[in-house]
Amino acid sequence: MQAIMDNIRPTVLAIAIALGLGVHCSEANAAPSETAVFAGGCFWCVESDFESVPGVIEAESGYTGGTVANPSYKQVVGGGTGHYEAVRITYDPGKVSYETLVDLFFRSVDPTDDGGQFCDRGHSYTTAIFATPSQEAAARAGKSNAQAALGETIVTPIRAAGPFYLAEEYHQDYYKKNDLVLTRFGPTSKAKAYKRYRDACGRDDRVRQLWGADAPFAGS
């Protein structure tokens, strides 16, 4: 019996080592996730759009670009903080590139409008790309390409990435939540309220008007 056990032990050890190496190699080959930060008007809409993109892991609504730490939604939309409504997109660069995300972003907004987006007006609803130093060249190239494709002046600024403050939990994944909110139509789910808001705001109509068949999310 002892002889059998002595023969089994090296085999088990070899298997364990092989499995361990396999796990290690898988972890080593897995590309770390990266982030992109875009401001495109209502962050519910930007979050909804980009969470449908293959390779995007998560999109989170928040505030960035201003001077007030940990601002509230009321402070941001009220003005004076300098912040934009923005979305932080976490993605797998092995499945979708930053350049692709930039192209999708420009074709999901009205980048010719410097007063807001669609029915939402004011600085906090204007468009912007917040790029890290390693992303800046790709963001500017994407802007140049989008301007050439659109044939109109794009006013979306490329700004240096800075602190990103998560919006209140109430706003996260608003577009797909089923908890009830009170609207002028009465109590309804956030998902249904979001769809009504998006339709009434004219977002998809304007994006289709600008980009035609190149609009990736219009009608979603």
C-alpha atoms as a PDB file:
ATOM      1  CA  MET A   1       0.000   0.000   0.000  1.00  0.00           C
ATOM      2  CA  GLN A   2       2.785   2.412   0.863  1.00  0.00           C
ATOM      3  CA  ALA A   3       4.454   1.706  -2.485  1.00  0.00           C
ATOM      4  CA  ILE A   4       1.243   2.562  -4.304  1.00  0.00           C
ATOM      5  CA  MET A   5       0.897   5.818  -2.358  1.00  0.00           C
ATOM      6  CA  ASP A   6       4.502   6.713  -3.124  1.00  0.00           C
ATOM      7  CA  ASN A   7       3.801   6.285  -6.830  1.00  0.00           C
ATOM      8  CA  ILE A   8       0.571   8.305  -6.691  1.00  0.00           C
ATOM      9  CA  ARG A   9       2.056  11.278  -4.841  1.00  0.00           C
ATOM     10  CA  PRO A  10       4.422  12.407  -7.669  1.00  0.00           C
ATOM     11  CA  THR A  11       1.592  12.064 -10.186  1.00  0.00           C
ATOM     12  CA  VAL A  12      -0.797  14.139  -8.073  1.00  0.00           C
ATOM     13  CA  LEU A  13       1.932  16.710  -7.481  1.00  0.00           C
ATOM     14  CA  ALA A  14       2.654  16.940 -11.202  1.00  0.00           C
ATOM     15  CA  ILE A  15      -1.043  17.461 -11.973  1.00  0.00           C
ATOM     16  CA  ALA A  16      -1.329  20.122  -9.265  1.00  0.00           C
ATOM     17  CA  ILE A  17       1.699  21.961 -10.623  1.00  0.00           C
ATOM     18  CA  ALA A  18       0.322  21.801 -14.177  1.00  0.00           C
ATOM     19  CA  LEU A  19      -3.048  23.138 -13.043  1.00  0.00           C
ATOM     20  CA  GLY A  20      -1.341  25.888 -11.081  1.00  0.00           C
ATOM     21  CA  LEU A  21       0.729  26.894 -14.068  1.00  0.00           C
ATOM     22  CA  GLY A  22      -2.370  26.909 -16.238  1.00  0.00           C
ATOM     23  CA  VAL A  23      -4.172  29.275 -13.874  1.00  0.00           C
ATOM     24  CA  HIS A  24      -1.082  31.475 -13.630  1.00  0.00           C
ATOM     25  CA  CYS A  25      -0.718  31.639 -17.406  1.00  0.00           C
ATOM     26  CA  SER A  26      -4.401  32.494 -17.829  1.00  0.00           C
ATOM     27  CA  GLU A  27      -4.078  35.309 -15.315  1.00  0.00           C
ATOM     28  CA  ALA A  28      -0.880  36.544 -16.985  1.00  0.00           C
ATOM     29  CA  ASN A  29      -2.461  36.534 -20.457  1.00  0.00           C
ATOM     30  CA  ALA A  30      -5.668  38.283 -19.366  1.00  0.00           C
ATOM     31  CA  ALA A  31      -5.452  41.946 -20.335  1.00  0.00           C
ATOM     32  CA  PRO A  32      -6.218  44.329 -17.471  1.00  0.00           C
ATOM     33  CA  SER A  33      -9.365  46.392 -17.926  1.00  0.00           C
ATOM     34  CA  GLU A  34      -9.114  50.059 -18.901  1.00  0.00           C
ATOM     35  CA  THR A  35     -11.437  53.045 -18.578  1.00  0.00           C
ATOM     36  CA  ALA A  36     -12.774  55.786 -20.811  1.00  0.00           C
ATOM     37  CA  VAL A  37     -14.680  58.848 -19.595  1.00  0.00           C
ATOM     38  CA  PHE A  38     -17.219  60.591 -21.817  1.00  0.00           C
ATOM     39  CA  ALA A  39     -19.753  63.353 -21.196  1.00  0.00           C
ATOM     40  CA  GLY A  40     -22.664  63.124 -23.593  1.00  0.00           C
ATOM     41  CA  GLY A  41     -25.612  64.848 -21.999  1.00  0.00           C
ATOM     42  CA  CYS A  42     -27.879  62.756 -19.782  1.00  0.00           C
ATOM     43  CA  PHE A  43     -25.670  60.131 -18.190  1.00  0.00           C
ATOM     44  CA  TRP A  44     -28.518  57.611 -18.060  1.00  0.00           C
ATOM     45  CA  CYS A  45     -28.472  57.556 -21.869  1.00  0.00           C
ATOM     46  CA  VAL A  46     -24.700  57.297 -22.240  1.00  0.00           C
ATOM     47  CA  GLU A  47     -24.626  54.496 -19.675  1.00  0.00           C
ATOM     48  CA  SER A  48     -27.411  52.630 -21.479  1.00  0.00           C
ATOM     49  CA  ASP A  49     -25.715  53.003 -24.871  1.00  0.00           C
ATOM     50  CA  PHE A  50     -22.262  51.843 -23.868  1.00  0.00           C
ATOM     51  CA  GLU A  51     -23.320  48.937 -21.692  1.00  0.00           C
ATOM     52  CA  SER A  52     -24.655  47.398 -24.917  1.00  0.00           C
ATOM     53  CA  VAL A  53     -21.197  47.405 -26.538  1.00  0.00           C
ATOM     54  CA  PRO A  54     -19.393  44.026 -26.630  1.00  0.00           C
ATOM     55  CA  GLY A  55     -16.234  44.295 -24.570  1.00  0.00           C
ATOM     56  CA  VAL A  56     -17.626  46.921 -22.188  1.00  0.00           C
ATOM     57  CA  ILE A  57     -17.638  45.535 -18.672  1.00  0.00           C
ATOM     58  CA  GLU A  58     -19.452  48.346 -16.888  1.00  0.00           C
ATOM     59  CA  ALA A  59     -20.567  51.942 -17.312  1.00  0.00           C
ATOM     60  CA  GLU A  60     -21.031  54.177 -14.270  1.00  0.00           C
ATOM     61  CA  SER A  61     -22.732  57.548 -14.060  1.00  0.00           C
ATOM     62  CA  GLY A  62     -20.916  60.365 -12.324  1.00  0.00           C
ATOM     63  CA  TYR A  63     -19.500  63.868 -12.374  1.00  0.00           C
ATOM     64  CA  THR A  64     -16.145  65.197 -13.541  1.00  0.00           C
ATOM     65  CA  GLY A  65     -14.388  68.255 -14.919  1.00  0.00           C
ATOM     66  CA  GLY A  66     -15.286  70.657 -12.133  1.00  0.00           C
ATOM     67  CA  THR A  67     -13.848  72.045  -8.915  1.00  0.00           C
ATOM     68  CA  VAL A  68     -16.187  70.722  -6.214  1.00  0.00           C
ATOM     69  CA  ALA A  69     -15.294  67.460  -4.487  1.00  0.00           C
ATOM     70  CA  ASN A  70     -18.027  64.841  -4.145  1.00  0.00           C
ATOM     71  CA  PRO A  71     -20.780  66.990  -5.659  1.00  0.00           C
ATOM     72  CA  SER A  72     -24.440  66.052  -5.536  1.00  0.00           C
ATOM     73  CA  TYR A  73     -26.679  65.815  -8.584  1.00  0.00           C
ATOM     74  CA  LYS A  74     -28.533  68.916  -7.432  1.00  0.00           C
ATOM     75  CA  GLN A  75     -25.290  70.899  -7.200  1.00  0.00           C
ATOM     76  CA  VAL A  76     -24.100  69.818 -10.649  1.00  0.00           C
ATOM     77  CA  VAL A  77     -27.294  70.532 -12.577  1.00  0.00           C
ATOM     78  CA  GLY A  78     -27.791  73.716 -10.590  1.00  0.00           C
ATOM     79  CA  GLY A  79     -24.549  75.111 -12.037  1.00  0.00           C
ATOM     80  CA  GLY A  80     -21.441  76.618 -10.531  1.00  0.00           C
ATOM     81  CA  THR A  81     -19.481  73.410  -9.905  1.00  0.00           C
ATOM     82  CA  GLY A  82     -17.934  73.203 -13.380  1.00  0.00           C
ATOM     83  CA  HIS A  83     -18.796  69.505 -13.501  1.00  0.00           C
ATOM     84  CA  TYR A  84     -20.295  67.600 -16.398  1.00  0.00           C
ATOM     85  CA  GLU A  85     -22.660  64.668 -16.183  1.00  0.00           C
ATOM     86  CA  ALA A  86     -20.295  61.943 -17.371  1.00  0.00           C
ATOM     87  CA  VAL A  87     -19.910  58.198 -17.623  1.00  0.00           C
ATOM     88  CA  ARG A  88     -16.883  56.098 -16.732  1.00  0.00           C
ATOM     89  CA  ILE A  89     -16.685  53.093 -19.022  1.00  0.00           C
ATOM     90  CA  THR A  90     -14.687  50.068 -17.928  1.00  0.00           C
ATOM     91  CA  TYR A  91     -13.785  47.858 -20.867  1.00  0.00           C
ATOM     92  CA  ASP A  92     -11.675  44.924 -21.986  1.00  0.00           C
ATOM     93  CA  PRO A  93      -9.109  46.288 -24.483  1.00  0.00           C
ATOM     94  CA  GLY A  94      -8.740  42.787 -25.901  1.00  0.00           C
ATOM     95  CA  LYS A  95     -12.354  42.970 -27.101  1.00  0.00           C
ATOM     96  CA  VAL A  96     -12.933  46.634 -27.879  1.00  0.00           C
ATOM     97  CA  SER A  97     -10.413  49.428 -28.412  1.00  0.00           C
ATOM     98  CA  TYR A  98     -10.403  52.932 -27.019  1.00  0.00           C
ATOM     99  CA  GLU A  99     -10.453  54.232 -30.592  1.00  0.00           C
ATOM    100  CA  THR A 100     -13.674  52.321 -31.268  1.00  0.00           C
ATOM    101  CA  LEU A 101     -15.284  53.701 -28.124  1.00  0.00           C
ATOM    102  CA  VAL A 102     -14.363  57.256 -29.179  1.00  0.00           C
ATOM    103  CA  ASP A 103     -15.895  56.698 -32.619  1.00  0.00           C
ATOM    104  CA  LEU A 104     -19.081  55.307 -31.054  1.00  0.00           C
ATOM    105  CA  PHE A 105     -19.242  58.217 -28.649  1.00  0.00           C
ATOM    106  CA  PHE A 106     -19.116  60.926 -31.313  1.00  0.00           C
ATOM    107  CA  ARG A 107     -21.814  59.144 -33.323  1.00  0.00           C
ATOM    108  CA  SER A 108     -24.087  58.850 -30.290  1.00  0.00           C
ATOM    109  CA  VAL A 109     -24.320  62.578 -29.519  1.00  0.00           C
ATOM    110  CA  ASP A 110     -24.726  65.956 -31.215  1.00  0.00           C
ATOM    111  CA  PRO A 111     -21.120  67.170 -31.073  1.00  0.00           C
ATOM    112  CA  THR A 112     -22.059  70.411 -32.864  1.00  0.00           C
ATOM    113  CA  ASP A 113     -24.086  71.681 -29.891  1.00  0.00           C
ATOM    114  CA  ASP A 114     -22.166  73.677 -27.265  1.00  0.00           C
ATOM    115  CA  GLY A 115     -25.228  74.562 -25.188  1.00  0.00           C
ATOM    116  CA  GLY A 116     -26.206  71.128 -23.926  1.00  0.00           C
ATOM    117  CA  GLN A 117     -27.611  67.979 -25.474  1.00  0.00           C
ATOM    118  CA  PHE A 118     -31.062  67.610 -26.970  1.00  0.00           C
ATOM    119  CA  CYS A 119     -33.705  68.774 -24.451  1.00  0.00           C
ATOM    120  CA  ASP A 120     -31.168  69.123 -21.616  1.00  0.00           C
ATOM    121  CA  ARG A 121     -29.510  72.527 -21.625  1.00  0.00           C
ATOM    122  CA  GLY A 122     -26.615  74.032 -19.699  1.00  0.00           C
ATOM    123  CA  HIS A 123     -22.930  73.354 -19.136  1.00  0.00           C
ATOM    124  CA  SER A 124     -23.405  70.140 -17.157  1.00  0.00           C
ATOM    125  CA  TYR A 125     -25.096  68.542 -20.188  1.00  0.00           C
ATOM    126  CA  THR A 126     -22.515  69.514 -22.811  1.00  0.00           C
ATOM    127  CA  THR A 127     -20.229  66.986 -24.450  1.00  0.00           C
ATOM    128  CA  ALA A 128     -16.577  66.287 -23.644  1.00  0.00           C
ATOM    129  CA  ILE A 129     -13.992  63.534 -23.695  1.00  0.00           C
ATOM    130  CA  PHE A 130     -11.809  63.276 -20.594  1.00  0.00           C
ATOM    131  CA  ALA A 131      -8.574  61.652 -21.740  1.00  0.00           C
ATOM    132  CA  THR A 132      -5.467  60.453 -19.965  1.00  0.00           C
ATOM    133  CA  PRO A 133      -2.113  61.429 -21.518  1.00  0.00           C
ATOM    134  CA  SER A 134      -1.929  58.037 -23.242  1.00  0.00           C
ATOM    135  CA  GLN A 135      -5.462  58.484 -24.659  1.00  0.00           C
ATOM    136  CA  GLU A 136      -5.222  62.075 -25.833  1.00  0.00           C
ATOM    137  CA  ALA A 137      -3.824  61.424 -29.324  1.00  0.00           C
ATOM    138  CA  ALA A 138      -6.486  58.796 -30.048  1.00  0.00           C
ATOM    139  CA  ALA A 139      -9.236  61.090 -28.753  1.00  0.00           C
ATOM    140  CA  ARG A 140      -8.072  63.969 -30.958  1.00  0.00           C
ATOM    141  CA  ALA A 141      -7.751  61.679 -33.972  1.00  0.00           C
ATOM    142  CA  GLY A 142     -11.268  60.407 -33.342  1.00  0.00           C
ATOM    143  CA  LYS A 143     -12.570  63.949 -33.162  1.00  0.00           C
ATOM    144  CA  SER A 144     -10.840  64.847 -36.432  1.00  0.00           C
ATOM    145  CA  ASN A 145     -12.232  61.755 -38.146  1.00  0.00           C
ATOM    146  CA  ALA A 146     -15.733  62.442 -36.849  1.00  0.00           C
ATOM    147  CA  GLN A 147     -15.585  66.043 -38.050  1.00  0.00           C
ATOM    148  CA  ALA A 148     -14.494  64.914 -41.522  1.00  0.00           C
ATOM    149  CA  ALA A 149     -17.284  62.332 -41.638  1.00  0.00           C
ATOM    150  CA  LEU A 150     -19.940  64.774 -40.415  1.00  0.00           C
ATOM    151  CA  GLY A 151     -18.812  67.751 -42.480  1.00  0.00           C
ATOM    152  CA  GLU A 152     -19.609  70.139 -39.630  1.00  0.00           C
ATOM    153  CA  THR A 153     -17.554  71.752 -36.876  1.00  0.00           C
ATOM    154  CA  ILE A 154     -17.371  69.587 -33.768  1.00  0.00           C
ATOM    155  CA  VAL A 155     -17.268  71.616 -30.563  1.00  0.00           C
ATOM    156  CA  THR A 156     -16.695  68.716 -28.148  1.00  0.00           C
ATOM    157  CA  PRO A 157     -13.531  69.488 -26.156  1.00  0.00           C
ATOM    158  CA  ILE A 158     -10.830  66.963 -25.334  1.00  0.00           C
ATOM    159  CA  ARG A 159     -10.011  67.617 -21.691  1.00  0.00           C
ATOM    160  CA  ALA A 160      -7.486  66.138 -19.301  1.00  0.00           C
ATOM    161  CA  ALA A 161      -8.925  63.368 -17.176  1.00  0.00           C
ATOM    162  CA  GLY A 162      -9.319  64.274 -13.525  1.00  0.00           C
ATOM    163  CA  PRO A 163     -11.190  63.052 -10.464  1.00  0.00           C
ATOM    164  CA  PHE A 164     -14.394  61.185 -11.283  1.00  0.00           C
ATOM    165  CA  TYR A 165     -17.125  61.236  -8.647  1.00  0.00           C
ATOM    166  CA  LEU A 166     -19.774  58.537  -8.778  1.00  0.00           C
ATOM    167  CA  ALA A 167     -23.332  59.790  -8.964  1.00  0.00           C
ATOM    168  CA  GLU A 168     -25.860  58.750  -6.349  1.00  0.00           C
ATOM    169  CA  GLU A 169     -27.035  55.122  -6.394  1.00  0.00           C
ATOM    170  CA  TYR A 170     -30.440  56.382  -7.566  1.00  0.00           C
ATOM    171  CA  HIS A 171     -28.883  57.192 -10.962  1.00  0.00           C
ATOM    172  CA  GLN A 172     -26.831  54.036 -11.506  1.00  0.00           C
ATOM    173  CA  ASP A 173     -28.364  51.647 -14.086  1.00  0.00           C
ATOM    174  CA  TYR A 174     -31.474  53.827 -14.071  1.00  0.00           C
ATOM    175  CA  TYR A 175     -32.425  52.679 -17.557  1.00  0.00           C
ATOM    176  CA  LYS A 176     -32.956  49.054 -16.495  1.00  0.00           C
ATOM    177  CA  LYS A 177     -34.269  49.270 -12.939  1.00  0.00           C
ATOM    178  CA  ASN A 178     -37.787  48.186 -12.073  1.00  0.00           C
ATOM    179  CA  ASP A 179     -38.266  50.113  -8.826  1.00  0.00           C
ATOM    180  CA  LEU A 180     -41.046  52.675  -9.034  1.00  0.00           C
ATOM    181  CA  VAL A 181     -40.717  56.425  -9.416  1.00  0.00           C
ATOM    182  CA  LEU A 182     -43.445  59.039  -9.490  1.00  0.00           C
ATOM    183  CA  THR A 183     -43.843  60.762 -12.881  1.00  0.00           C
ATOM    184  CA  ARG A 184     -46.462  63.028 -14.410  1.00  0.00           C
ATOM    185  CA  PHE A 185     -47.979  59.845 -15.797  1.00  0.00           C
ATOM    186  CA  GLY A 186     -48.204  58.386 -12.302  1.00  0.00           C
ATOM    187  CA  PRO A 187     -46.051  55.697 -10.648  1.00  0.00           C
ATOM    188  CA  THR A 188     -43.944  53.761 -13.143  1.00  0.00           C
ATOM    189  CA  SER A 189     -40.696  51.832 -13.223  1.00  0.00           C
ATOM    190  CA  LYS A 190     -37.422  53.667 -13.778  1.00  0.00           C
ATOM    191  CA  ALA A 191     -36.923  51.652 -16.975  1.00  0.00           C
ATOM    192  CA  LYS A 192     -40.228  52.860 -18.429  1.00  0.00           C
ATOM    193  CA  ALA A 193     -39.665  56.420 -17.179  1.00  0.00           C
ATOM    194  CA  TYR A 194     -36.242  56.399 -18.863  1.00  0.00           C
ATOM    195  CA  LYS A 195     -37.675  55.249 -22.185  1.00  0.00           C
ATOM    196  CA  ARG A 196     -40.341  57.971 -22.094  1.00  0.00           C
ATOM    197  CA  TYR A 197     -37.735  60.580 -21.218  1.00  0.00           C
ATOM    198  CA  ARG A 198     -35.398  59.501 -24.030  1.00  0.00           C
ATOM    199  CA  ASP A 199     -38.185  59.529 -26.593  1.00  0.00           C
ATOM    200  CA  ALA A 200     -39.541  62.912 -25.466  1.00  0.00           C
ATOM    201  CA  CYS A 201     -36.072  64.458 -25.372  1.00  0.00           C
ATOM    202  CA  GLY A 202     -35.519  63.717 -29.066  1.00  0.00           C
ATOM    203  CA  ARG A 203     -32.077  62.204 -28.587  1.00  0.00           C
ATOM    204  CA  ASP A 204     -32.376  59.419 -31.137  1.00  0.00           C
ATOM    205  CA  ASP A 205     -34.175  61.587 -33.702  1.00  0.00           C
ATOM    206  CA  ARG A 206     -31.409  64.195 -33.653  1.00  0.00           C
ATOM    207  CA  VAL A 207     -28.609  61.625 -33.726  1.00  0.00           C
ATOM    208  CA  ARG A 208     -30.212  59.898 -36.722  1.00  0.00           C
ATOM    209  CA  GLN A 209     -30.601  63.278 -38.418  1.00  0.00           C
ATOM    210  CA  LEU A 210     -26.886  63.974 -37.957  1.00  0.00           C
ATOM    211  CA  TRP A 211     -25.324  60.567 -38.476  1.00  0.00           C
ATOM    212  CA  GLY A 212     -27.883  58.567 -40.423  1.00  0.00           C
ATOM    213  CA  ALA A 213     -26.914  54.900 -40.728  1.00  0.00           C
ATOM    214  CA  ASP A 214     -23.692  55.592 -38.775  1.00  0.00           C
ATOM    215  CA  ALA A 215     -25.650  56.259 -35.565  1.00  0.00           C
ATOM    216  CA  PRO A 216     -24.873  53.148 -33.484  1.00  0.00           C
ATOM    217  CA  PHE A 217     -27.463  53.464 -30.729  1.00  0.00           C
ATOM    218  CA  ALA A 218     -30.338  55.518 -32.136  1.00  0.00           C
ATOM    219  CA  GLY A 219     -33.562  53.669 -31.675  1.00  0.00           C
ATOM    220  CA  SER A 220     -32.225  51.594 -28.767  1.00  0.00           C
END
